[in-house]
Amino acid sequence: MELLTGEFRNTLDEKGRVPFPAKLRRELTEESLIITQAVDRCLWLFTNEEWNNFSSKLMGAASPFSSKDRLVVRHLIAPAQTVEFDKAGRLNIPQSLREYAN
């Protein structure tokens, strides 16, 4: 899977759904993505494969005795959720992540 890049500006609707750019959607084969908190009150999206790679590396490098490592794991891993595309190609952003990124 190649890195999906670009800057796209979309607005959440009243139900917390955001249109996923058609250009990027065409590059995906998955019907769902993993969404989690990132830095600077942003959200990150991963394919399932990339999430498994990312989270495995992060967990493998984290020491349970390091407060900084535990904080990173709690910040990135704990809030991760699976989101599915609806028939209109939108993703429903979970309320907790909408509040975080507000």
C-alpha atoms as a PDB file:
ATOM      1  CA  MET A   1       0.000   0.000   0.000  1.00  0.00           C
ATOM      2  CA  GLU A   2       1.361   3.363  -0.964  1.00  0.00           C
ATOM      3  CA  LEU A   3       1.038   6.414   1.198  1.00  0.00           C
ATOM      4  CA  LEU A   4      -2.143   8.316   0.442  1.00  0.00           C
ATOM      5  CA  THR A   5      -1.360  12.006   0.305  1.00  0.00           C
ATOM      6  CA  GLY A   6      -3.006  15.274  -0.530  1.00  0.00           C
ATOM      7  CA  GLU A   7      -4.814  18.093   1.147  1.00  0.00           C
ATOM      8  CA  PHE A   8      -8.587  17.921   1.054  1.00  0.00           C
ATOM      9  CA  ARG A   9     -11.010  20.160   2.891  1.00  0.00           C
ATOM     10  CA  ASN A  10     -14.372  18.702   3.787  1.00  0.00           C
ATOM     11  CA  THR A  11     -16.931  19.488   6.420  1.00  0.00           C
ATOM     12  CA  LEU A  12     -18.566  17.026   8.768  1.00  0.00           C
ATOM     13  CA  ASP A  13     -22.305  16.772   8.370  1.00  0.00           C
ATOM     14  CA  GLU A  14     -24.685  16.865  11.344  1.00  0.00           C
ATOM     15  CA  LYS A  15     -24.236  13.105  11.862  1.00  0.00           C
ATOM     16  CA  GLY A  16     -20.438  13.318  12.017  1.00  0.00           C
ATOM     17  CA  ARG A  17     -19.829  11.963   8.527  1.00  0.00           C
ATOM     18  CA  VAL A  18     -17.161  13.293   6.213  1.00  0.00           C
ATOM     19  CA  PRO A  19     -16.896  12.652   2.473  1.00  0.00           C
ATOM     20  CA  PHE A  20     -13.745  10.701   1.657  1.00  0.00           C
ATOM     21  CA  PRO A  21     -11.994  12.087  -1.435  1.00  0.00           C
ATOM     22  CA  ALA A  22     -12.930  10.010  -4.484  1.00  0.00           C
ATOM     23  CA  LYS A  23      -9.356  10.254  -5.779  1.00  0.00           C
ATOM     24  CA  LEU A  24      -8.079   8.483  -2.667  1.00  0.00           C
ATOM     25  CA  ARG A  25     -11.033   6.105  -2.432  1.00  0.00           C
ATOM     26  CA  ARG A  26     -10.189   4.711  -5.875  1.00  0.00           C
ATOM     27  CA  GLU A  27      -6.745   3.743  -4.573  1.00  0.00           C
ATOM     28  CA  LEU A  28      -8.182   1.681  -1.704  1.00  0.00           C
ATOM     29  CA  THR A  29      -9.480  -1.857  -1.776  1.00  0.00           C
ATOM     30  CA  GLU A  30     -10.640  -1.821   1.855  1.00  0.00           C
ATOM     31  CA  GLU A  31     -14.186  -1.094   2.965  1.00  0.00           C
ATOM     32  CA  SER A  32     -12.977   0.163   6.334  1.00  0.00           C
ATOM     33  CA  LEU A  33     -10.079   2.113   7.804  1.00  0.00           C
ATOM     34  CA  ILE A  34      -8.607   2.583  11.262  1.00  0.00           C
ATOM     35  CA  ILE A  35      -8.835   6.100  12.672  1.00  0.00           C
ATOM     36  CA  THR A  36      -6.990   7.360  15.710  1.00  0.00           C
ATOM     37  CA  GLN A  37      -5.723  10.471  17.411  1.00  0.00           C
ATOM     38  CA  ALA A  38      -2.519  11.965  16.058  1.00  0.00           C
ATOM     39  CA  VAL A  39      -0.440  14.921  17.131  1.00  0.00           C
ATOM     40  CA  ASP A  40      -1.606  18.541  17.126  1.00  0.00           C
ATOM     41  CA  ARG A  41      -5.275  17.548  17.513  1.00  0.00           C
ATOM     42  CA  CYS A  42      -5.303  15.839  14.125  1.00  0.00           C
ATOM     43  CA  LEU A  43      -6.623  12.413  13.181  1.00  0.00           C
ATOM     44  CA  TRP A  44      -4.761   9.696  11.307  1.00  0.00           C
ATOM     45  CA  LEU A  45      -6.315   7.120   8.996  1.00  0.00           C
ATOM     46  CA  PHE A  46      -4.698   3.764   8.295  1.00  0.00           C
ATOM     47  CA  THR A  47      -5.577   0.753   6.212  1.00  0.00           C
ATOM     48  CA  ASN A  48      -5.891  -2.360   8.363  1.00  0.00           C
ATOM     49  CA  GLU A  49      -2.546  -3.662   7.117  1.00  0.00           C
ATOM     50  CA  GLU A  50      -0.745  -0.396   7.787  1.00  0.00           C
ATOM     51  CA  TRP A  51      -2.368  -0.095  11.217  1.00  0.00           C
ATOM     52  CA  ASN A  52      -1.185  -3.576  12.143  1.00  0.00           C
ATOM     53  CA  ASN A  53       2.354  -2.680  11.020  1.00  0.00           C
ATOM     54  CA  PHE A  54       2.337   0.692  12.772  1.00  0.00           C
ATOM     55  CA  SER A  55       0.836  -0.493  16.047  1.00  0.00           C
ATOM     56  CA  SER A  56       3.051  -3.597  16.186  1.00  0.00           C
ATOM     57  CA  LYS A  57       6.187  -1.510  15.731  1.00  0.00           C
ATOM     58  CA  LEU A  58       5.026   1.030  18.279  1.00  0.00           C
ATOM     59  CA  MET A  59       4.116  -1.599  20.856  1.00  0.00           C
ATOM     60  CA  GLY A  60       7.333  -3.521  20.185  1.00  0.00           C
ATOM     61  CA  ALA A  61       9.463  -0.445  20.787  1.00  0.00           C
ATOM     62  CA  ALA A  62       7.566   0.802  23.842  1.00  0.00           C
ATOM     63  CA  SER A  63       8.823   0.022  27.308  1.00  0.00           C
ATOM     64  CA  PRO A  64       6.156  -0.566  29.951  1.00  0.00           C
ATOM     65  CA  PHE A  65       8.553   1.099  32.405  1.00  0.00           C
ATOM     66  CA  SER A  66       8.781   4.366  30.471  1.00  0.00           C
ATOM     67  CA  SER A  67       6.109   6.928  31.280  1.00  0.00           C
ATOM     68  CA  LYS A  68       6.709   8.632  27.897  1.00  0.00           C
ATOM     69  CA  ASP A  69       6.219   5.342  26.034  1.00  0.00           C
ATOM     70  CA  ARG A  70       3.036   4.583  27.960  1.00  0.00           C
ATOM     71  CA  LEU A  71       1.731   8.059  27.157  1.00  0.00           C
ATOM     72  CA  VAL A  72       2.392   7.593  23.430  1.00  0.00           C
ATOM     73  CA  VAL A  73       0.662   4.202  23.440  1.00  0.00           C
ATOM     74  CA  ARG A  74      -2.332   5.622  25.327  1.00  0.00           C
ATOM     75  CA  HIS A  75      -2.521   8.580  22.959  1.00  0.00           C
ATOM     76  CA  LEU A  76      -2.251   6.674  19.662  1.00  0.00           C
ATOM     77  CA  ILE A  77      -3.318   3.072  20.269  1.00  0.00           C
ATOM     78  CA  ALA A  78      -6.090   3.295  22.848  1.00  0.00           C
ATOM     79  CA  PRO A  79      -8.452   5.614  20.920  1.00  0.00           C
ATOM     80  CA  ALA A  80      -8.122   3.744  17.608  1.00  0.00           C
ATOM     81  CA  GLN A  81     -11.402   2.633  16.034  1.00  0.00           C
ATOM     82  CA  THR A  82     -12.527   0.992  12.828  1.00  0.00           C
ATOM     83  CA  VAL A  83     -14.644   3.173  10.540  1.00  0.00           C
ATOM     84  CA  GLU A  84     -16.479   1.902   7.472  1.00  0.00           C
ATOM     85  CA  PHE A  85     -17.392   3.679   4.277  1.00  0.00           C
ATOM     86  CA  ASP A  86     -21.109   4.181   3.760  1.00  0.00           C
ATOM     87  CA  LYS A  87     -22.759   3.849   0.340  1.00  0.00           C
ATOM     88  CA  ALA A  88     -22.006   7.502  -0.406  1.00  0.00           C
ATOM     89  CA  GLY A  89     -18.281   7.076   0.329  1.00  0.00           C
ATOM     90  CA  ARG A  90     -18.405   8.874   3.666  1.00  0.00           C
ATOM     91  CA  LEU A  91     -16.718   7.942   6.924  1.00  0.00           C
ATOM     92  CA  ASN A  92     -18.537   8.380  10.222  1.00  0.00           C
ATOM     93  CA  ILE A  93     -16.018   9.948  12.597  1.00  0.00           C
ATOM     94  CA  PRO A  94     -16.601   8.673  16.167  1.00  0.00           C
ATOM     95  CA  GLN A  95     -17.771  11.327  18.632  1.00  0.00           C
ATOM     96  CA  SER A  96     -14.722  10.990  20.901  1.00  0.00           C
ATOM     97  CA  LEU A  97     -12.370  11.613  17.980  1.00  0.00           C
ATOM     98  CA  ARG A  98     -14.475  14.531  16.707  1.00  0.00           C
ATOM     99  CA  GLU A  99     -14.181  16.111  20.143  1.00  0.00           C
ATOM    100  CA  TYR A 100     -10.426  15.520  20.218  1.00  0.00           C
ATOM    101  CA  ALA A 101      -9.876  17.103  16.778  1.00  0.00           C
ATOM    102  CA  ASN A 102     -12.258  19.994  17.313  1.00  0.00           C
END
